[in-house]
C-alpha atoms as a PDB file:
ATOM      1  CA  MET A   1      28.761  15.431  -5.517  1.00  0.00           C
ATOM      2  CA  GLY A   2      27.930  18.436  -7.674  1.00  0.00           C
ATOM      3  CA  THR A   3      28.865  22.065  -8.228  1.00  0.00           C
ATOM      4  CA  LYS A   4      30.426  23.762  -5.180  1.00  0.00           C
ATOM      5  CA  LEU A   5      30.693  27.540  -4.851  1.00  0.00           C
ATOM      6  CA  ILE A   6      34.246  28.769  -5.342  1.00  0.00           C
ATOM      7  CA  ALA A   7      36.040  29.374  -2.041  1.00  0.00           C
ATOM      8  CA  ASP A   8      39.624  30.323  -2.908  1.00  0.00           C
ATOM      9  CA  ILE A   9      42.290  30.704  -5.583  1.00  0.00           C
ATOM     10  CA  ARG A  10      45.868  30.241  -4.363  1.00  0.00           C
ATOM     11  CA  LEU A  11      49.281  30.606  -5.979  1.00  0.00           C
ATOM     12  CA  PHE A  12      51.903  27.864  -5.794  1.00  0.00           C
ATOM     13  CA  GLU A  13      55.152  26.987  -7.557  1.00  0.00           C
ATOM     14  CA  SER A  14      57.184  23.866  -8.255  1.00  0.00           C
ATOM     15  CA  ASP A  15      60.318  23.048 -10.223  1.00  0.00           C
ATOM     16  CA  VAL A  16      59.541  19.316 -10.415  1.00  0.00           C
ATOM     17  CA  PRO A  17      56.612  17.687 -12.242  1.00  0.00           C
ATOM     18  CA  ASN A  18      53.334  18.060 -10.353  1.00  0.00           C
ATOM     19  CA  THR A  19      52.707  14.327  -9.932  1.00  0.00           C
ATOM     20  CA  ASP A  20      51.936  12.058  -6.987  1.00  0.00           C
ATOM     21  CA  GLU A  21      55.526  10.751  -6.927  1.00  0.00           C
ATOM     22  CA  ASN A  22      56.890  14.234  -6.151  1.00  0.00           C
ATOM     23  CA  PRO A  23      56.381  16.582  -3.184  1.00  0.00           C
ATOM     24  CA  PRO A  24      53.391  18.911  -3.559  1.00  0.00           C
ATOM     25  CA  PRO A  25      53.998  22.468  -4.820  1.00  0.00           C
ATOM     26  CA  HIS A  26      54.788  25.171  -2.249  1.00  0.00           C
ATOM     27  CA  TYR A  27      53.496  28.728  -2.057  1.00  0.00           C
ATOM     28  CA  ILE A  28      54.891  31.077  -4.704  1.00  0.00           C
ATOM     29  CA  GLY A  29      57.893  33.251  -3.834  1.00  0.00           C
ATOM     30  CA  LYS A  30      61.130  31.236  -4.091  1.00  0.00           C
ATOM     31  CA  ILE A  31      61.406  30.257  -7.761  1.00  0.00           C
ATOM     32  CA  TYR A  32      59.483  33.320  -8.871  1.00  0.00           C
ATOM     33  CA  GLN A  33      60.084  36.771  -7.394  1.00  0.00           C
ATOM     34  CA  TYR A  34      56.481  37.486  -6.518  1.00  0.00           C
ATOM     35  CA  ASP A  35      54.436  38.143  -3.387  1.00  0.00           C
ATOM     36  CA  HIS A  36      50.868  36.825  -3.578  1.00  0.00           C
ATOM     37  CA  MET A  37      49.713  39.960  -1.717  1.00  0.00           C
ATOM     38  CA  GLU A  38      50.313  41.927  -4.926  1.00  0.00           C
ATOM     39  CA  CYS A  39      47.146  40.491  -6.502  1.00  0.00           C
ATOM     40  CA  LEU A  40      45.171  39.541  -3.386  1.00  0.00           C
ATOM     41  CA  ASP A  41      42.870  42.556  -3.755  1.00  0.00           C
ATOM     42  CA  VAL A  42      41.782  41.433  -7.237  1.00  0.00           C
ATOM     43  CA  ILE A  43      41.383  37.806  -6.173  1.00  0.00           C
ATOM     44  CA  GLN A  44      39.246  38.777  -3.167  1.00  0.00           C
ATOM     45  CA  ARG A  45      36.957  40.970  -5.300  1.00  0.00           C
ATOM     46  CA  LEU A  46      36.686  38.168  -7.817  1.00  0.00           C
ATOM     47  CA  LEU A  47      35.865  35.527  -5.196  1.00  0.00           C
ATOM     48  CA  PHE A  48      33.185  37.645  -3.502  1.00  0.00           C
ATOM     49  CA  LEU A  49      31.446  38.512  -6.780  1.00  0.00           C
ATOM     50  CA  LEU A  50      31.686  34.974  -8.175  1.00  0.00           C
ATOM     51  CA  ARG A  51      30.138  33.504  -5.022  1.00  0.00           C
ATOM     52  CA  HIS A  52      27.343  36.071  -5.122  1.00  0.00           C
ATOM     53  CA  ARG A  53      26.592  35.047  -8.704  1.00  0.00           C
ATOM     54  CA  GLY A  54      26.635  31.340  -7.916  1.00  0.00           C
ATOM     55  CA  PHE A  55      29.841  30.367  -9.713  1.00  0.00           C
ATOM     56  CA  GLY A  56      31.419  27.050  -8.796  1.00  0.00           C
ATOM     57  CA  PHE A  57      33.391  24.038  -9.964  1.00  0.00           C
ATOM     58  CA  ASP A  58      32.386  20.380 -10.117  1.00  0.00           C
ATOM     59  CA  ASP A  59      33.013  18.762  -6.716  1.00  0.00           C
ATOM     60  CA  PHE A  60      35.782  21.085  -5.440  1.00  0.00           C
ATOM     61  CA  ASP A  61      36.011  24.699  -4.250  1.00  0.00           C
ATOM     62  CA  HIS A  62      39.731  25.572  -3.966  1.00  0.00           C
ATOM     63  CA  LEU A  63      41.690  26.175  -7.177  1.00  0.00           C
ATOM     64  CA  TYR A  64      45.467  25.891  -6.776  1.00  0.00           C
ATOM     65  CA  LEU A  65      47.545  27.480  -9.535  1.00  0.00           C
ATOM     66  CA  ASN A  66      50.991  25.891  -9.797  1.00  0.00           C
ATOM     67  CA  PHE A  67      53.501  28.029 -11.689  1.00  0.00           C
ATOM     68  CA  THR A  68      56.221  25.771 -13.041  1.00  0.00           C
ATOM     69  CA  PRO A  69      59.076  25.687 -15.562  1.00  0.00           C
ATOM     70  CA  CYS A  70      58.279  22.016 -16.243  1.00  0.00           C
ATOM     71  CA  ILE A  71      55.866  22.866 -19.058  1.00  0.00           C
ATOM     72  CA  PRO A  72      56.152  25.486 -21.855  1.00  0.00           C
ATOM     73  CA  HIS A  73      55.840  29.125 -20.801  1.00  0.00           C
ATOM     74  CA  GLY A  74      52.231  30.301 -20.896  1.00  0.00           C
ATOM     75  CA  GLU A  75      50.712  26.831 -21.256  1.00  0.00           C
ATOM     76  CA  VAL A  76      47.816  25.959 -18.947  1.00  0.00           C
ATOM     77  CA  ARG A  77      47.478  22.265 -18.123  1.00  0.00           C
ATOM     78  CA  ASP A  78      45.007  20.324 -15.980  1.00  0.00           C
ATOM     79  CA  VAL A  79      46.606  18.164 -13.283  1.00  0.00           C
ATOM     80  CA  ASN A  80      45.367  14.754 -12.193  1.00  0.00           C
ATOM     81  CA  ARG A  81      46.759  14.454  -8.688  1.00  0.00           C
ATOM     82  CA  TYR A  82      45.501  13.005  -5.393  1.00  0.00           C
ATOM     83  CA  ASN A  83      42.556  10.946  -6.573  1.00  0.00           C
ATOM     84  CA  ILE A  84      41.381  10.276  -3.036  1.00  0.00           C
ATOM     85  CA  ARG A  85      38.486  11.825  -1.141  1.00  0.00           C
ATOM     86  CA  GLU A  86      40.574  13.517   1.577  1.00  0.00           C
ATOM     87  CA  PHE A  87      42.082  15.854  -1.001  1.00  0.00           C
ATOM     88  CA  SER A  88      39.114  16.231  -3.337  1.00  0.00           C
ATOM     89  CA  TRP A  89      38.273  19.770  -2.129  1.00  0.00           C
ATOM     90  CA  TYR A  90      41.162  21.306  -4.092  1.00  0.00           C
ATOM     91  CA  HIS A  91      42.448  20.845  -7.641  1.00  0.00           C
ATOM     92  CA  TYR A  92      45.707  21.934  -9.258  1.00  0.00           C
ATOM     93  CA  VAL A  93      46.226  23.546 -12.643  1.00  0.00           C
ATOM     94  CA  ASP A  94      49.815  23.866 -13.885  1.00  0.00           C
ATOM     95  CA  ILE A  95      50.870  27.168 -15.468  1.00  0.00           C
ATOM     96  CA  GLY A  96      54.022  27.096 -17.595  1.00  0.00           C
ATOM     97  CA  CYS A  97      56.309  29.872 -16.381  1.00  0.00           C
ATOM     98  CA  ASP A  98      59.925  30.489 -17.361  1.00  0.00           C
ATOM     99  CA  ALA A  99      61.582  31.917 -14.233  1.00  0.00           C
ATOM    100  CA  GLN A 100      64.074  34.034 -16.167  1.00  0.00           C
ATOM    101  CA  ILE A 101      61.321  35.620 -18.249  1.00  0.00           C
ATOM    102  CA  PHE A 102      58.953  36.154 -15.327  1.00  0.00           C
ATOM    103  CA  ASN A 103      61.506  37.546 -12.894  1.00  0.00           C
ATOM    104  CA  HIS A 104      62.570  40.234 -15.380  1.00  0.00           C
ATOM    105  CA  LEU A 105      59.032  41.527 -15.837  1.00  0.00           C
ATOM    106  CA  SER A 106      57.804  44.718 -14.175  1.00  0.00           C
ATOM    107  CA  LEU A 107      55.388  44.291 -11.275  1.00  0.00           C
ATOM    108  CA  GLU A 108      52.515  45.387 -13.516  1.00  0.00           C
ATOM    109  CA  GLU A 109      53.496  42.767 -16.109  1.00  0.00           C
ATOM    110  CA  LYS A 110      53.829  40.088 -13.422  1.00  0.00           C
ATOM    111  CA  ASN A 111      50.352  40.891 -12.091  1.00  0.00           C
ATOM    112  CA  LEU A 112      48.929  40.698 -15.593  1.00  0.00           C
ATOM    113  CA  PHE A 113      50.534  37.301 -16.217  1.00  0.00           C
ATOM    114  CA  ILE A 114      49.341  35.921 -12.861  1.00  0.00           C
ATOM    115  CA  LEU A 115      45.765  37.157 -13.274  1.00  0.00           C
ATOM    116  CA  GLU A 116      45.438  36.107 -16.908  1.00  0.00           C
ATOM    117  CA  SER A 117      46.730  32.682 -15.878  1.00  0.00           C
ATOM    118  CA  ALA A 118      44.105  32.538 -13.119  1.00  0.00           C
ATOM    119  CA  LYS A 119      41.451  33.391 -15.689  1.00  0.00           C
ATOM    120  CA  LYS A 120      42.579  30.690 -18.126  1.00  0.00           C
ATOM    121  CA  ALA A 121      42.866  28.076 -15.381  1.00  0.00           C
ATOM    122  CA  SER A 122      39.436  28.868 -13.949  1.00  0.00           C
ATOM    123  CA  ILE A 123      37.775  28.676 -17.354  1.00  0.00           C
ATOM    124  CA  LEU A 124      39.597  25.395 -18.029  1.00  0.00           C
ATOM    125  CA  LYS A 125      38.197  23.862 -14.827  1.00  0.00           C
ATOM    126  CA  ALA A 126      34.747  25.472 -14.908  1.00  0.00           C
ATOM    127  CA  PRO A 127      31.657  23.553 -16.022  1.00  0.00           C
ATOM    128  CA  GLU A 128      30.742  24.582 -19.559  1.00  0.00           C
ATOM    129  CA  ASP A 129      27.697  26.581 -18.464  1.00  0.00           C
ATOM    130  CA  GLN A 130      29.806  28.560 -15.936  1.00  0.00           C
ATOM    131  CA  ALA A 131      32.753  29.560 -18.125  1.00  0.00           C
ATOM    132  CA  LYS A 132      31.068  32.641 -19.629  1.00  0.00           C
ATOM    133  CA  LEU A 133      29.929  33.746 -16.157  1.00  0.00           C
ATOM    134  CA  PHE A 134      33.522  33.600 -14.923  1.00  0.00           C
ATOM    135  CA  GLU A 135      34.861  35.510 -17.913  1.00  0.00           C
ATOM    136  CA  ALA A 136      32.277  38.307 -17.604  1.00  0.00           C
ATOM    137  CA  THR A 137      32.829  38.598 -13.846  1.00  0.00           C
ATOM    138  CA  PHE A 138      36.604  38.631 -14.218  1.00  0.00           C
ATOM    139  CA  ASP A 139      36.438  41.430 -16.795  1.00  0.00           C
ATOM    140  CA  GLU A 140      34.101  43.469 -14.563  1.00  0.00           C
ATOM    141  CA  VAL A 141      36.448  43.116 -11.591  1.00  0.00           C
ATOM    142  CA  ILE A 142      39.489  44.188 -13.607  1.00  0.00           C
ATOM    143  CA  GLN A 143      37.719  47.173 -15.167  1.00  0.00           C
ATOM    144  CA  ASN A 144      36.311  48.597 -11.919  1.00  0.00           C
ATOM    145  CA  GLY A 145      39.139  47.985  -9.454  1.00  0.00           C
ATOM    146  CA  GLU A 146      38.613  49.143  -5.882  1.00  0.00           C
ATOM    147  CA  GLN A 147      35.540  51.182  -6.889  1.00  0.00           C
ATOM    148  CA  LEU A 148      33.583  47.976  -7.537  1.00  0.00           C
ATOM    149  CA  LEU A 149      30.614  47.753  -5.174  1.00  0.00           C
ATOM    150  CA  LEU A 150      30.166  44.086  -4.267  1.00  0.00           C
ATOM    151  CA  PRO A 151      26.756  42.780  -3.162  1.00  0.00           C
ATOM    152  CA  TYR A 152      27.093  40.782   0.053  1.00  0.00           C
ATOM    153  CA  LYS A 153      23.766  40.335   1.867  1.00  0.00           C
ATOM    154  CA  GLN A 154      20.142  41.378   1.520  1.00  0.00           C
ATOM    155  CA  LYS A 155      17.080  41.184   3.730  1.00  0.00           C
ATOM    156  CA  ASP A 156      13.597  42.595   3.285  1.00  0.00           C
ATOM    157  CA  ASN A 157      10.203  42.698   4.931  1.00  0.00           C
ATOM    158  CA  GLN A 158       6.813  44.005   3.812  1.00  0.00           C
ATOM    159  CA  ASN A 159       8.080  47.605   3.885  1.00  0.00           C
ATOM    160  CA  PHE A 160      11.838  47.803   3.353  1.00  0.00           C
ATOM    161  CA  ILE A 161      14.814  46.245   1.585  1.00  0.00           C
ATOM    162  CA  VAL A 162      18.196  46.257   3.339  1.00  0.00           C
ATOM    163  CA  GLU A 163      21.214  45.697   1.099  1.00  0.00           C
ATOM    164  CA  ILE A 164      24.772  45.301   2.335  1.00  0.00           C
ATOM    165  CA  PHE A 165      27.603  45.909  -0.094  1.00  0.00           C
ATOM    166  CA  THR A 166      31.340  46.158   0.331  1.00  0.00           C
ATOM    167  CA  ARG A 167      34.245  47.675  -1.537  1.00  0.00           C
ATOM    168  CA  ILE A 168      37.642  45.983  -1.285  1.00  0.00           C
ATOM    169  CA  THR A 169      40.481  48.471  -1.454  1.00  0.00           C
ATOM    170  CA  ASP A 170      43.867  47.906  -3.070  1.00  0.00           C
ATOM    171  CA  GLU A 171      45.191  47.338   0.477  1.00  0.00           C
ATOM    172  CA  VAL A 172      42.573  44.550   0.889  1.00  0.00           C
ATOM    173  CA  SER A 173      40.487  46.493   3.401  1.00  0.00           C
ATOM    174  CA  PHE A 174      36.726  45.926   3.356  1.00  0.00           C
ATOM    175  CA  ILE A 175      34.519  49.034   3.454  1.00  0.00           C
ATOM    176  CA  PRO A 176      30.839  48.097   3.901  1.00  0.00           C
ATOM    177  CA  LEU A 177      27.909  50.179   2.666  1.00  0.00           C
ATOM    178  CA  ILE A 178      24.431  49.737   4.167  1.00  0.00           C
ATOM    179  CA  ARG A 179      21.534  50.836   1.941  1.00  0.00           C
ATOM    180  CA  VAL A 180      17.853  50.862   2.900  1.00  0.00           C
ATOM    181  CA  THR A 181      15.071  51.456   0.369  1.00  0.00           C
ATOM    182  CA  ASP A 182      11.318  51.091   0.562  1.00  0.00           C
ATOM    183  CA  LYS A 183       9.366  48.763  -1.708  1.00  0.00           C
ATOM    184  CA  ASN A 184       8.992  51.584  -4.243  1.00  0.00           C
ATOM    185  CA  GLY A 185      12.770  51.945  -4.499  1.00  0.00           C
ATOM    186  CA  VAL A 186      12.912  55.214  -2.557  1.00  0.00           C
ATOM    187  CA  LEU A 187      16.131  55.557  -0.562  1.00  0.00           C
ATOM    188  CA  GLN A 188      15.510  55.720   3.199  1.00  0.00           C
ATOM    189  CA  ALA A 189      19.065  55.509   4.540  1.00  0.00           C
ATOM    190  CA  GLU A 190      22.596  54.873   3.322  1.00  0.00           C
ATOM    191  CA  GLN A 191      25.685  54.632   5.487  1.00  0.00           C
ATOM    192  CA  GLU A 192      29.282  53.693   4.768  1.00  0.00           C
ATOM    193  CA  LEU A 193      31.015  51.978   7.677  1.00  0.00           C
ATOM    194  CA  ARG A 194      34.636  52.031   8.765  1.00  0.00           C
ATOM    195  CA  SER A 195      37.332  49.855   7.237  1.00  0.00           C
ATOM    196  CA  TYR A 196      37.491  46.169   8.229  1.00  0.00           C
ATOM    197  CA  GLY A 197      39.786  43.239   7.641  1.00  0.00           C
ATOM    198  CA  ARG A 198      38.235  40.300   5.774  1.00  0.00           C
ATOM    199  CA  ASP A 199      37.452  38.045   8.760  1.00  0.00           C
ATOM    200  CA  GLU A 200      36.394  41.045  10.847  1.00  0.00           C
ATOM    201  CA  PHE A 201      33.953  42.139   8.112  1.00  0.00           C
ATOM    202  CA  ILE A 202      32.425  38.678   7.732  1.00  0.00           C
ATOM    203  CA  CYS A 203      31.905  38.426  11.493  1.00  0.00           C
ATOM    204  CA  GLN A 204      30.450  41.953  11.769  1.00  0.00           C
ATOM    205  CA  ILE A 205      27.651  41.244   9.285  1.00  0.00           C
ATOM    206  CA  GLY A 206      25.547  38.684  11.110  1.00  0.00           C
ATOM    207  CA  THR A 207      21.840  38.816  11.936  1.00  0.00           C
ATOM    208  CA  ILE A 208      19.860  41.648  10.284  1.00  0.00           C
ATOM    209  CA  THR A 209      16.701  42.904  12.017  1.00  0.00           C
ATOM    210  CA  ILE A 210      14.429  45.474  10.346  1.00  0.00           C
ATOM    211  CA  GLY A 211      12.303  47.737  12.527  1.00  0.00           C
ATOM    212  CA  LYS A 212       9.731  50.439  11.693  1.00  0.00           C
ATOM    213  CA  THR A 213      12.378  53.119  11.122  1.00  0.00           C
ATOM    214  CA  SER A 214      15.657  51.341  11.819  1.00  0.00           C
ATOM    215  CA  VAL A 215      17.832  48.366  10.981  1.00  0.00           C
ATOM    216  CA  ARG A 216      20.086  46.531  13.438  1.00  0.00           C
ATOM    217  CA  ILE A 217      22.982  44.281  12.423  1.00  0.00           C
ATOM    218  CA  VAL A 218      24.327  41.972  15.119  1.00  0.00           C
ATOM    219  CA  PRO A 219      27.781  40.363  14.727  1.00  0.00           C
ATOM    220  CA  ARG A 220      28.069  36.612  14.325  1.00  0.00           C
ATOM    221  CA  LYS A 221      28.835  34.770  17.531  1.00  0.00           C
ATOM    222  CA  SER A 222      32.443  33.603  17.269  1.00  0.00           C
ATOM    223  CA  HIS A 223      35.861  34.040  18.834  1.00  0.00           C
ATOM    224  CA  TYR A 224      36.610  36.525  16.033  1.00  0.00           C
ATOM    225  CA  ALA A 225      33.763  38.755  17.221  1.00  0.00           C
ATOM    226  CA  ASP A 226      35.244  38.748  20.726  1.00  0.00           C
ATOM    227  CA  TYR A 227      38.772  39.247  19.419  1.00  0.00           C
ATOM    228  CA  TYR A 228      37.786  42.261  17.327  1.00  0.00           C
ATOM    229  CA  ASP A 229      35.425  43.569  20.033  1.00  0.00           C
ATOM    230  CA  LEU A 230      32.578  43.834  17.520  1.00  0.00           C
ATOM    231  CA  THR A 231      29.314  45.450  18.573  1.00  0.00           C
ATOM    232  CA  PRO A 232      25.864  45.763  16.886  1.00  0.00           C
ATOM    233  CA  ILE A 233      25.322  48.421  14.220  1.00  0.00           C
ATOM    234  CA  LYS A 234      22.091  50.439  14.222  1.00  0.00           C
ATOM    235  CA  ILE A 235      20.931  52.738  11.430  1.00  0.00           C
ATOM    236  CA  GLU A 236      17.829  54.909  11.766  1.00  0.00           C
ATOM    237  CA  TRP A 237      15.832  57.031   9.334  1.00  0.00           C
END
C-alpha cells in the first residue's frame, strides 16, 4: 500500500448511476459526441511529466473519468465502486455532463471541458501534498503544448551527463532529443531523432552506455523491438 505513480487517465461515459449494481461505464463516444484522440496529446504530455516529477495517487495508478448525466452538469464526484483487491488499481470519478449541452459545444470547448474535468478529478483524488504539484504541471503542459520538452531518462559518469528528452506532437508522435554535456555544463552533442509512436519510443530508449567520445543507446529486449525493427543509436562528438 502507498502512493503509486500515475499510469493513465481514461475517458468513460454512463447514463446509469456508477454503482456496483449497474454495468461499468464504457469508453466515451456514444452518449457524448467526442473522440478521446482529440485530447490524447495533452494527456500523454501530462502523464509523462507527472511521472517524471513523482506524482501519484494513494494505492491506485489508473484514473477513470466517467462523464454522466446522472449528476449535475460540471459536478465532480468521487465514486466508491469495486472495493475488492482485483480492481484496486483503478478508481472512478464521476463528471456531471449534460449531453445536450456538451454535444452542441465546439471541439475547442469540448476539449476545454474534458481537460478541466480531468484536472478537477485528479486534484480531488490526489494526496494533499500532491495536489499543488498536479496543478502546476497541468498548467505547464497546457501553456507549452507540443513545444514542451519532457525529461525522460538521464545517465552520467565521471565525465559526461546524457539526458534524453521527448516532445509529443499534436498527432501524438514522440520526437526524442539526446543531449550530452560535460560536468561543467558545456554542450558536447545534441541530436534530435526521428518520430516514434509511444510504444516504439519506450522500447527504443533502453540501455545507455557512455564512452570516451560517444554514447550508445540499445533498445529494450521485447517483441516490440523486433516488431519495429529497432536498432542501437550511437552519437559521437
